[in-house]
Amino acid sequence: MKIQLSDHFTYRKLFRFVLPSIVMMIFTSIYTVVDGLFVSNFVGKTAFAAINLCMPLLMAVSALGFMIGTGGSAIVARTLGEGHKDKANASFSLLVYAMILGGLVMSLVCFAALPSVCRAFGAEGELLENAVMYGRISSISLTAFMLQNVFQSFFVTAEKPQLGLAVIVAAGVANMILDYLFIAVLGFGLIGAAMATVTGEFIGGIYPLFYFARKNSSRLRLGKTSFNGKVLLQACVNGSSELMTNLSSSLVNSLFNLQLMKFSGENGVAAFGTIMYANFIFNAIYFGYSIGSAPIVSYHYGADNHAELKNMFKKSLSFVGCWGVFLFCMAQIIASPMASVFVGYDTELCAMTSHGFRLYSRAFLFSGLNIFGSAFFTALNNGLLSAAISFLRTLVFQMAAVLLLPMVLGLDGIWNAVAVAEILTMFVTITLLVRQRKRYHYL
């Protein structure tokens, strides 16, 4: 039975509706995880560190797709809730076309800036050459990757989350198969890893263009539009929190790399890379839930359905709370096996990775509420509050923690920095949710 945005959502129906988005985000995370797994085991830790060194820049640029996708879907879903389908499709088309243009420009910028950025991170010699090579090949598909991020949100708004899931699964499976073929079988090394990623991202970004450009059974279709600066600006403001999250994460991850180079050298960067892969997948559950539930919130906000807003808010808190405990416990269990899979060839590095992840995993107890809280305000078309949460969570608190804690705790201070930042952000998130309850009627 088809689930519509206008439905009343029980726990079971809500879980069914958001599950494709959660799996989509997990498969999106798998791109870099699989690259890292094959590169680490078949090419070596220098090449593995090279991927982790250039990845912050690539993720920062691709964040534009999350901004337009989450911010734009909030506008489109709200417009659908108000009953204006043609206007919603015009806004949808404008945002996709703008993303294509912006993506092409940013891909060129990224290609040109990679050597300077990698040198600024402390790379030299073979590490620098590998990082620039991997980053430049990957920049070829940055526009497609941005579109993939955009369509992740719009597939949900179009009430086609299962189709979005199928696209991402196809892209992820292609990436995994080609990683094995190019790296393990043909021995292409780091070039093969980049080629596999590029192919997967083209599948994930280009197919949705063809789907929405033709007649389809969803709520949305690409077509004629006209420039509307107000819609474009509002989408950017609404999605600024997602942009801030990714930009800040990229900046802070670079700071983590600098601190780790100082305290433990190349091994620290490699260990942090493995921890980040697990972090991508674990937090993908929270981000996927937020992407999947946001159009529901926006729709009922546009329809002034306060009862359903209260229902969504209550059930969402229950979901993220239970997942937080589960993910923390899971992290403690898999820390050693995960480290062995990625860096088991180096005993010292393996022990460092396992220990670091056990400390880092405390963040999962609190990050779900912060990620959902930021996305919830985006869905309510309040991009400023959403951005405030993301700005504090991913930049201010993390930067302060990673700079100050190592002075007291040494290397363990770096592994604990994110958990401390999430706890501080949690107090801000709770305060904003309580203060805004009467304005939006979700409590």
Protein backbone atom coordinates (compact mmCIF):
# COMPACT_ATOMS: atom_id res chain seq x y z
CA MET A 1 0.00 0.00 0.00
CA LYS A 2 1.38 3.38 -1.02
CA ILE A 3 2.29 5.72 1.83
CA GLN A 4 1.50 9.39 1.21
CA LEU A 5 2.79 12.53 2.91
CA SER A 6 -0.76 13.37 3.95
CA ASP A 7 -1.18 10.12 5.93
CA HIS A 8 -1.26 9.72 9.70
CA PHE A 9 1.97 7.98 10.65
CA THR A 10 2.11 5.14 13.13
CA TYR A 11 5.55 3.89 14.26
CA ARG A 12 5.35 1.07 11.72
CA LYS A 13 4.28 3.28 8.83
CA LEU A 14 6.88 5.92 9.68
CA PHE A 15 9.64 3.32 9.81
CA ARG A 16 8.56 1.86 6.46
CA PHE A 17 8.55 5.33 4.90
CA VAL A 18 11.96 6.45 6.18
CA LEU A 19 13.75 3.10 5.78
CA PRO A 20 14.63 3.64 2.09
CA SER A 21 16.19 7.01 2.96
CA ILE A 22 18.24 5.44 5.74
CA VAL A 23 19.52 2.72 3.43
CA MET A 24 20.19 5.36 0.75
CA MET A 25 22.42 7.28 3.11
CA ILE A 26 24.22 4.11 4.19
CA PHE A 27 24.94 3.17 0.58
CA THR A 28 26.10 6.73 -0.12
CA SER A 29 28.57 6.36 2.74
CA ILE A 30 29.74 3.04 1.33
CA TYR A 31 31.39 4.81 -1.63
CA THR A 32 34.34 6.05 0.39
CA VAL A 33 34.26 3.13 2.83
CA VAL A 34 34.74 0.53 0.10
CA ASP A 35 37.43 2.63 -1.57
CA GLY A 36 39.26 2.84 1.73
CA LEU A 37 38.88 -0.87 2.47
CA PHE A 38 40.36 -2.00 -0.84
CA VAL A 39 43.03 0.70 -0.97
CA SER A 40 44.20 0.03 2.59
CA ASN A 41 44.50 -3.73 2.06
CA PHE A 42 45.75 -3.84 -1.54
CA VAL A 43 47.67 -0.57 -2.02
CA GLY A 44 48.92 0.39 1.46
CA LYS A 45 48.47 2.87 4.27
CA THR A 46 50.08 5.80 2.42
CA ALA A 47 47.48 5.58 -0.33
CA PHE A 48 44.82 5.06 2.35
CA ALA A 49 45.95 8.21 4.15
CA ALA A 50 45.91 10.07 0.80
CA ILE A 51 42.18 9.37 0.35
CA ASN A 52 41.45 10.61 3.86
CA LEU A 53 43.54 13.72 3.28
CA CYS A 54 41.73 14.93 0.14
CA MET A 55 38.28 13.72 1.19
CA PRO A 56 37.39 16.83 3.29
CA LEU A 57 37.62 19.07 0.21
CA LEU A 58 35.51 16.71 -1.93
CA MET A 59 32.87 16.41 0.80
CA ALA A 60 32.83 20.18 1.33
CA VAL A 61 32.08 20.81 -2.35
CA SER A 62 29.44 18.06 -2.56
CA ALA A 63 27.67 19.63 0.44
CA LEU A 64 25.99 22.03 -1.99
CA GLY A 65 23.84 19.11 -3.11
CA PHE A 66 22.62 18.45 0.44
CA MET A 67 21.87 22.15 0.86
CA ILE A 68 19.72 22.39 -2.26
CA GLY A 69 18.13 18.98 -1.67
CA THR A 70 17.07 19.42 1.94
CA GLY A 71 16.34 23.13 1.72
CA GLY A 72 14.53 22.81 -1.60
CA SER A 73 12.48 19.77 -0.64
CA ALA A 74 11.18 21.66 2.40
CA ILE A 75 9.86 24.38 0.06
CA VAL A 76 8.44 21.93 -2.48
CA ALA A 77 6.78 19.72 0.14
CA ARG A 78 5.26 22.74 1.87
CA THR A 79 3.96 24.02 -1.48
CA LEU A 80 2.39 20.63 -2.20
CA GLY A 81 0.78 20.74 1.24
CA GLU A 82 -0.71 24.11 0.31
CA GLY A 83 -2.21 22.52 -2.82
CA HIS A 84 -0.06 24.23 -5.51
CA LYS A 85 1.33 21.37 -7.60
CA ASP A 86 2.40 23.41 -10.65
CA LYS A 87 4.25 25.90 -8.48
CA ALA A 88 5.96 23.03 -6.66
CA ASN A 89 7.17 21.53 -9.95
CA ALA A 90 8.46 24.88 -11.16
CA SER A 91 10.48 25.29 -7.96
CA PHE A 92 11.75 21.72 -8.21
CA SER A 93 12.93 22.24 -11.79
CA LEU A 94 14.64 25.53 -10.98
CA LEU A 95 16.58 23.99 -8.10
CA VAL A 96 17.78 21.00 -10.13
CA TYR A 97 18.94 23.16 -13.04
CA ALA A 98 20.74 25.52 -10.66
CA MET A 99 22.48 22.55 -9.08
CA ILE A 100 23.76 21.33 -12.45
CA LEU A 101 25.27 24.71 -13.24
CA GLY A 102 26.74 25.19 -9.78
CA GLY A 103 28.11 21.66 -9.76
CA LEU A 104 30.04 22.13 -12.99
CA VAL A 105 31.62 25.33 -11.71
CA MET A 106 32.60 23.82 -8.36
CA SER A 107 34.08 20.73 -10.02
CA LEU A 108 36.50 22.95 -11.93
CA VAL A 109 37.36 24.90 -8.79
CA CYS A 110 38.02 21.70 -6.88
CA PHE A 111 40.24 20.30 -9.65
CA ALA A 112 42.39 23.44 -9.62
CA ALA A 113 42.58 23.84 -5.83
CA LEU A 114 43.51 20.28 -4.84
CA PRO A 115 47.34 20.61 -4.85
CA SER A 116 47.32 23.74 -2.70
CA VAL A 117 44.78 22.31 -0.27
CA CYS A 118 46.68 19.04 0.17
CA ARG A 119 49.95 20.90 0.79
CA ALA A 120 48.18 23.02 3.41
CA PHE A 121 47.16 19.80 5.18
CA GLY A 122 50.83 18.84 5.43
CA ALA A 123 51.05 16.40 2.52
CA GLU A 124 54.30 16.03 0.63
CA GLY A 125 56.07 13.51 -1.56
CA GLU A 126 54.16 10.32 -2.36
CA LEU A 127 51.31 11.25 -0.03
CA LEU A 128 50.77 14.55 -1.89
CA GLU A 129 50.92 12.91 -5.34
CA ASN A 130 48.41 10.22 -4.35
CA ALA A 131 46.00 12.68 -2.75
CA VAL A 132 45.97 15.03 -5.76
CA MET A 133 45.59 12.16 -8.24
CA TYR A 134 42.67 10.57 -6.37
CA GLY A 135 40.99 13.93 -5.77
CA ARG A 136 41.25 15.14 -9.36
CA ILE A 137 39.82 11.94 -10.83
CA SER A 138 36.99 12.04 -8.27
CA SER A 139 36.19 15.67 -9.14
CA ILE A 140 35.05 14.50 -12.59
CA SER A 141 31.84 13.15 -11.06
CA LEU A 142 31.29 15.83 -8.41
CA THR A 143 28.33 17.33 -10.30
CA ALA A 144 26.68 13.92 -10.55
CA PHE A 145 27.35 13.31 -6.84
CA MET A 146 25.75 16.65 -5.96
CA LEU A 147 22.70 15.71 -8.02
CA GLN A 148 22.55 12.38 -6.23
CA ASN A 149 22.45 14.25 -2.92
CA VAL A 150 19.71 16.54 -4.25
CA PHE A 151 17.54 13.70 -5.49
CA GLN A 152 17.84 11.76 -2.23
CA SER A 153 15.54 14.37 -0.69
CA PHE A 154 13.31 14.89 -3.71
CA PHE A 155 12.60 11.18 -4.17
CA VAL A 156 11.03 11.26 -0.71
CA THR A 157 9.04 14.42 -1.49
CA ALA A 158 7.86 12.74 -4.71
CA GLU A 159 6.61 9.81 -2.56
CA LYS A 160 9.09 7.49 -4.32
CA PRO A 161 11.61 6.63 -1.58
CA GLN A 162 11.83 3.01 -2.79
CA LEU A 163 12.91 4.16 -6.25
CA GLY A 164 15.50 6.44 -4.69
CA LEU A 165 16.76 3.48 -2.70
CA ALA A 166 17.02 1.33 -5.85
CA VAL A 167 19.10 4.00 -7.58
CA ILE A 168 21.51 4.32 -4.66
CA VAL A 169 21.82 0.56 -4.24
CA ALA A 170 22.64 0.20 -7.94
CA ALA A 171 25.27 2.93 -7.66
CA GLY A 172 26.75 1.45 -4.48
CA VAL A 173 26.90 -2.10 -5.84
CA ALA A 174 28.54 -0.86 -9.04
CA ASN A 175 31.14 0.95 -6.96
CA MET A 176 31.89 -2.15 -4.88
CA ILE A 177 32.16 -4.50 -7.86
CA LEU A 178 34.42 -2.10 -9.76
CA ASP A 179 36.60 -1.55 -6.69
CA TYR A 180 37.20 -5.28 -6.53
CA LEU A 181 37.79 -5.53 -10.28
CA PHE A 182 40.03 -2.47 -10.67
CA ILE A 183 42.04 -2.83 -7.45
CA ALA A 184 42.11 -6.50 -6.40
CA VAL A 185 42.00 -8.11 -9.87
CA LEU A 186 43.53 -5.66 -12.34
CA GLY A 187 45.86 -3.90 -9.89
CA PHE A 188 44.99 -0.33 -10.92
CA GLY A 189 45.60 0.86 -7.36
CA LEU A 190 44.41 4.31 -6.31
CA ILE A 191 43.39 5.18 -9.87
CA GLY A 192 41.08 2.17 -9.90
CA ALA A 193 39.46 3.26 -6.63
CA ALA A 194 38.76 6.71 -8.06
CA MET A 195 37.39 5.26 -11.32
CA ALA A 196 35.01 3.02 -9.38
CA THR A 197 33.73 5.95 -7.33
CA VAL A 198 33.22 8.11 -10.42
CA THR A 199 31.18 5.37 -12.12
CA GLY A 200 28.95 4.83 -9.09
CA GLU A 201 28.32 8.54 -8.66
CA PHE A 202 27.33 8.96 -12.31
CA ILE A 203 24.75 6.19 -11.90
CA GLY A 204 23.35 7.80 -8.74
CA GLY A 205 23.16 11.30 -10.19
CA ILE A 206 22.25 10.91 -13.85
CA TYR A 207 19.47 8.28 -13.77
CA PRO A 208 17.14 10.47 -11.63
CA LEU A 209 17.48 13.23 -14.21
CA PHE A 210 16.04 10.95 -16.90
CA TYR A 211 13.31 9.70 -14.55
CA PHE A 212 12.02 13.12 -13.54
CA ALA A 213 12.46 14.59 -17.04
CA ARG A 214 9.89 12.21 -18.53
CA LYS A 215 6.29 11.56 -17.59
CA ASN A 216 6.19 9.57 -14.37
CA SER A 217 3.84 8.49 -11.59
CA SER A 218 5.38 10.65 -8.88
CA ARG A 219 4.33 14.07 -7.61
CA LEU A 220 7.28 15.79 -9.31
CA ARG A 221 8.49 16.29 -12.87
CA LEU A 222 11.25 18.37 -14.42
CA GLY A 223 9.99 20.88 -16.93
CA LYS A 224 9.92 24.53 -17.86
CA THR A 225 10.68 27.05 -15.18
CA SER A 226 11.75 30.63 -14.77
CA PHE A 227 14.33 32.21 -12.54
CA ASN A 228 12.97 32.86 -9.07
CA GLY A 229 15.61 34.34 -6.83
CA LYS A 230 13.35 34.13 -3.80
CA VAL A 231 12.91 30.36 -4.11
CA LEU A 232 16.62 29.82 -4.73
CA LEU A 233 17.60 32.01 -1.78
CA GLN A 234 15.06 30.37 0.52
CA ALA A 235 16.29 26.91 -0.46
CA CYS A 236 19.85 27.97 0.36
CA VAL A 237 18.79 29.46 3.71
CA ASN A 238 16.64 26.42 4.58
CA GLY A 239 19.44 24.06 3.65
CA SER A 240 22.21 26.15 5.15
CA SER A 241 22.37 23.83 8.15
CA GLU A 242 23.17 20.85 5.91
CA LEU A 243 25.74 22.95 4.05
CA MET A 244 27.18 24.09 7.36
CA THR A 245 27.29 20.51 8.64
CA ASN A 246 29.29 19.28 5.67
CA LEU A 247 31.54 22.33 5.32
CA SER A 248 32.27 22.40 9.03
CA SER A 249 32.87 18.66 9.11
CA SER A 250 35.34 18.98 6.26
CA LEU A 251 37.15 21.85 7.98
CA VAL A 252 37.19 20.14 11.36
CA ASN A 253 38.29 16.82 9.85
CA SER A 254 41.21 18.68 8.32
CA LEU A 255 42.01 20.06 11.78
CA PHE A 256 41.78 16.52 13.17
CA ASN A 257 44.29 15.40 10.54
CA LEU A 258 46.66 18.22 11.47
CA GLN A 259 46.43 17.37 15.17
CA LEU A 260 46.88 13.67 14.47
CA MET A 261 49.94 14.31 12.31
CA LYS A 262 51.34 16.23 15.28
CA PHE A 263 50.57 13.57 17.91
CA SER A 264 50.94 10.30 15.99
CA GLY A 265 51.95 10.98 12.38
CA GLU A 266 50.64 9.07 9.36
CA ASN A 267 49.29 6.28 11.59
CA GLY A 268 46.95 8.73 13.32
CA VAL A 269 45.53 9.93 9.99
CA ALA A 270 44.99 6.33 8.84
CA ALA A 271 43.31 5.39 12.15
CA PHE A 272 41.07 8.45 11.96
CA GLY A 273 40.13 7.52 8.40
CA THR A 274 38.89 4.12 9.54
CA ILE A 275 36.93 5.69 12.41
CA MET A 276 35.36 8.17 10.01
CA TYR A 277 34.16 5.35 7.76
CA ALA A 278 32.29 3.81 10.67
CA ASN A 279 31.06 7.27 11.66
CA PHE A 280 29.69 7.86 8.15
CA ILE A 281 27.66 4.66 8.28
CA PHE A 282 26.41 5.07 11.85
CA ASN A 283 25.38 8.71 11.40
CA ALA A 284 23.86 7.80 8.02
CA ILE A 285 21.01 6.28 10.03
CA TYR A 286 20.30 9.64 11.66
CA PHE A 287 20.72 11.61 8.44
CA GLY A 288 18.61 9.12 6.51
CA TYR A 289 15.83 9.33 9.07
CA SER A 290 15.97 13.13 8.95
CA ILE A 291 15.83 13.20 5.14
CA GLY A 292 12.98 10.70 5.07
CA SER A 293 10.87 12.40 7.75
CA ALA A 294 11.49 16.04 6.78
CA PRO A 295 9.04 16.16 3.82
CA ILE A 296 6.31 14.77 6.10
CA VAL A 297 6.95 17.55 8.61
CA SER A 298 7.04 20.20 5.84
CA TYR A 299 3.83 18.91 4.28
CA HIS A 300 1.85 19.00 7.52
CA TYR A 301 3.39 22.34 8.44
CA GLY A 302 2.13 23.72 5.12
CA ALA A 303 -1.29 22.15 5.75
CA ASP A 304 -1.47 23.55 9.34
CA ASN A 305 -1.96 20.03 10.69
CA HIS A 306 -0.67 20.54 14.22
CA ALA A 307 -1.80 17.14 15.46
CA GLU A 308 0.40 15.34 12.93
CA LEU A 309 3.35 17.62 13.71
CA LYS A 310 3.07 16.60 17.37
CA ASN A 311 2.82 12.97 16.33
CA MET A 312 5.94 13.19 14.14
CA PHE A 313 7.94 15.00 16.80
CA LYS A 314 7.13 12.49 19.53
CA LYS A 315 7.85 9.44 17.39
CA SER A 316 11.06 10.94 16.03
CA LEU A 317 12.47 11.50 19.51
CA SER A 318 11.69 7.88 20.37
CA PHE A 319 13.46 6.63 17.25
CA VAL A 320 16.67 8.64 17.63
CA GLY A 321 16.89 7.90 21.36
CA CYS A 322 16.68 4.13 20.90
CA TRP A 323 19.09 4.18 17.97
CA GLY A 324 21.62 6.16 20.00
CA VAL A 325 21.90 3.46 22.65
CA PHE A 326 21.98 0.69 20.04
CA LEU A 327 24.72 2.32 17.95
CA PHE A 328 26.92 2.99 20.98
CA CYS A 329 26.69 -0.64 22.08
CA MET A 330 27.29 -1.86 18.54
CA ALA A 331 30.39 0.32 18.25
CA GLN A 332 31.90 -1.21 21.37
CA ILE A 333 31.36 -4.70 19.96
CA ILE A 334 32.72 -4.13 16.44
CA ALA A 335 35.67 -1.84 17.29
CA SER A 336 38.34 -4.55 17.18
CA PRO A 337 36.95 -6.54 14.20
CA MET A 338 36.51 -3.32 12.22
CA ALA A 339 40.07 -2.23 12.87
CA SER A 340 41.33 -5.68 11.83
CA VAL A 341 39.45 -5.55 8.54
CA PHE A 342 40.87 -2.15 7.55
CA VAL A 343 44.36 -2.09 9.06
CA GLY A 344 44.95 -5.56 10.46
CA TYR A 345 48.27 -5.74 8.60
CA ASP A 346 49.76 -3.24 11.11
CA THR A 347 49.47 -4.29 14.79
CA GLU A 348 50.20 -0.86 16.26
CA LEU A 349 47.82 0.92 13.88
CA CYS A 350 45.11 -1.68 14.50
CA ALA A 351 45.30 -1.22 18.28
CA MET A 352 45.20 2.57 17.93
CA THR A 353 42.15 2.40 15.66
CA SER A 354 40.21 0.06 17.95
CA HIS A 355 40.93 2.13 21.07
CA GLY A 356 40.14 5.41 19.30
CA PHE A 357 36.81 4.18 17.98
CA ARG A 358 35.64 2.97 21.39
CA LEU A 359 36.22 6.45 22.78
CA TYR A 360 34.81 8.21 19.72
CA SER A 361 31.59 6.13 19.79
CA ARG A 362 30.29 7.97 22.85
CA ALA A 363 29.22 10.67 20.38
CA PHE A 364 26.54 8.38 18.92
CA LEU A 365 24.53 8.63 22.15
CA PHE A 366 23.91 12.33 21.52
CA SER A 367 24.39 13.04 17.81
CA GLY A 368 20.97 11.67 16.79
CA LEU A 369 19.05 14.35 18.67
CA ASN A 370 21.27 17.10 17.28
CA ILE A 371 21.04 15.90 13.68
CA PHE A 372 17.27 15.46 13.91
CA GLY A 373 16.79 18.80 15.67
CA SER A 374 18.65 20.65 12.94
CA ALA A 375 16.73 18.83 10.16
CA PHE A 376 13.43 19.40 11.99
CA PHE A 377 13.89 23.18 11.87
CA THR A 378 14.88 22.93 8.21
CA ALA A 379 11.62 21.09 7.52
CA LEU A 380 9.76 23.88 9.32
CA ASN A 381 11.44 26.33 6.91
CA ASN A 382 13.50 27.89 9.71
CA GLY A 383 16.95 27.64 8.22
CA LEU A 384 18.54 30.05 10.69
CA LEU A 385 17.88 27.93 13.78
CA SER A 386 18.83 24.81 11.88
CA ALA A 387 22.10 26.41 10.80
CA ALA A 388 22.79 27.60 14.36
CA ILE A 389 22.62 24.02 15.66
CA SER A 390 24.83 22.74 12.85
CA PHE A 391 27.31 25.61 13.18
CA LEU A 392 27.80 24.99 16.90
CA ARG A 393 27.80 21.20 16.56
CA THR A 394 30.17 20.74 13.66
CA LEU A 395 32.41 23.79 13.88
CA VAL A 396 32.53 25.78 17.11
CA PHE A 397 32.33 23.01 19.69
CA GLN A 398 34.31 20.43 17.73
CA MET A 399 37.05 22.87 16.85
CA ALA A 400 37.38 24.00 20.45
CA ALA A 401 37.38 20.42 21.71
CA VAL A 402 39.99 19.10 19.25
CA LEU A 403 42.30 22.02 20.03
CA LEU A 404 41.92 22.03 23.83
CA LEU A 405 41.36 18.42 24.93
CA PRO A 406 44.68 17.08 23.57
CA MET A 407 46.49 19.55 25.83
CA VAL A 408 45.09 17.61 28.79
CA LEU A 409 44.45 14.09 27.49
CA GLY A 410 46.92 13.82 24.62
CA LEU A 411 45.80 11.54 21.78
CA ASP A 412 42.73 10.41 23.77
CA GLY A 413 41.59 14.03 23.78
CA ILE A 414 41.29 13.89 19.99
CA TRP A 415 39.21 10.71 20.10
CA ASN A 416 36.87 12.23 22.76
CA ALA A 417 36.50 15.63 21.08
CA VAL A 418 33.39 14.83 19.03
CA ALA A 419 31.52 13.33 21.99
CA VAL A 420 32.16 16.47 24.06
CA ALA A 421 30.97 18.65 21.18
CA GLU A 422 27.78 16.60 20.78
CA ILE A 423 26.97 16.91 24.51
CA LEU A 424 27.37 20.69 24.40
CA THR A 425 25.23 20.89 21.25
CA MET A 426 22.54 18.74 22.84
CA PHE A 427 21.86 21.42 25.45
CA VAL A 428 21.48 24.02 22.70
CA THR A 429 19.15 21.77 20.66
CA ILE A 430 16.89 21.02 23.64
CA THR A 431 16.72 24.73 24.53
CA LEU A 432 15.67 25.72 20.98
CA LEU A 433 13.11 22.92 20.70
CA VAL A 434 11.50 23.97 23.98
CA ARG A 435 11.46 27.68 23.13
CA GLN A 436 9.97 27.18 19.63
CA ARG A 437 7.24 24.71 20.64
CA LYS A 438 4.44 27.32 20.82
CA ARG A 439 5.37 28.90 17.49
CA TYR A 440 5.19 25.64 15.52
CA HIS A 441 2.80 23.64 17.75
CA TYR A 442 4.75 20.37 17.79
CA LEU A 443 4.41 20.05 21.57
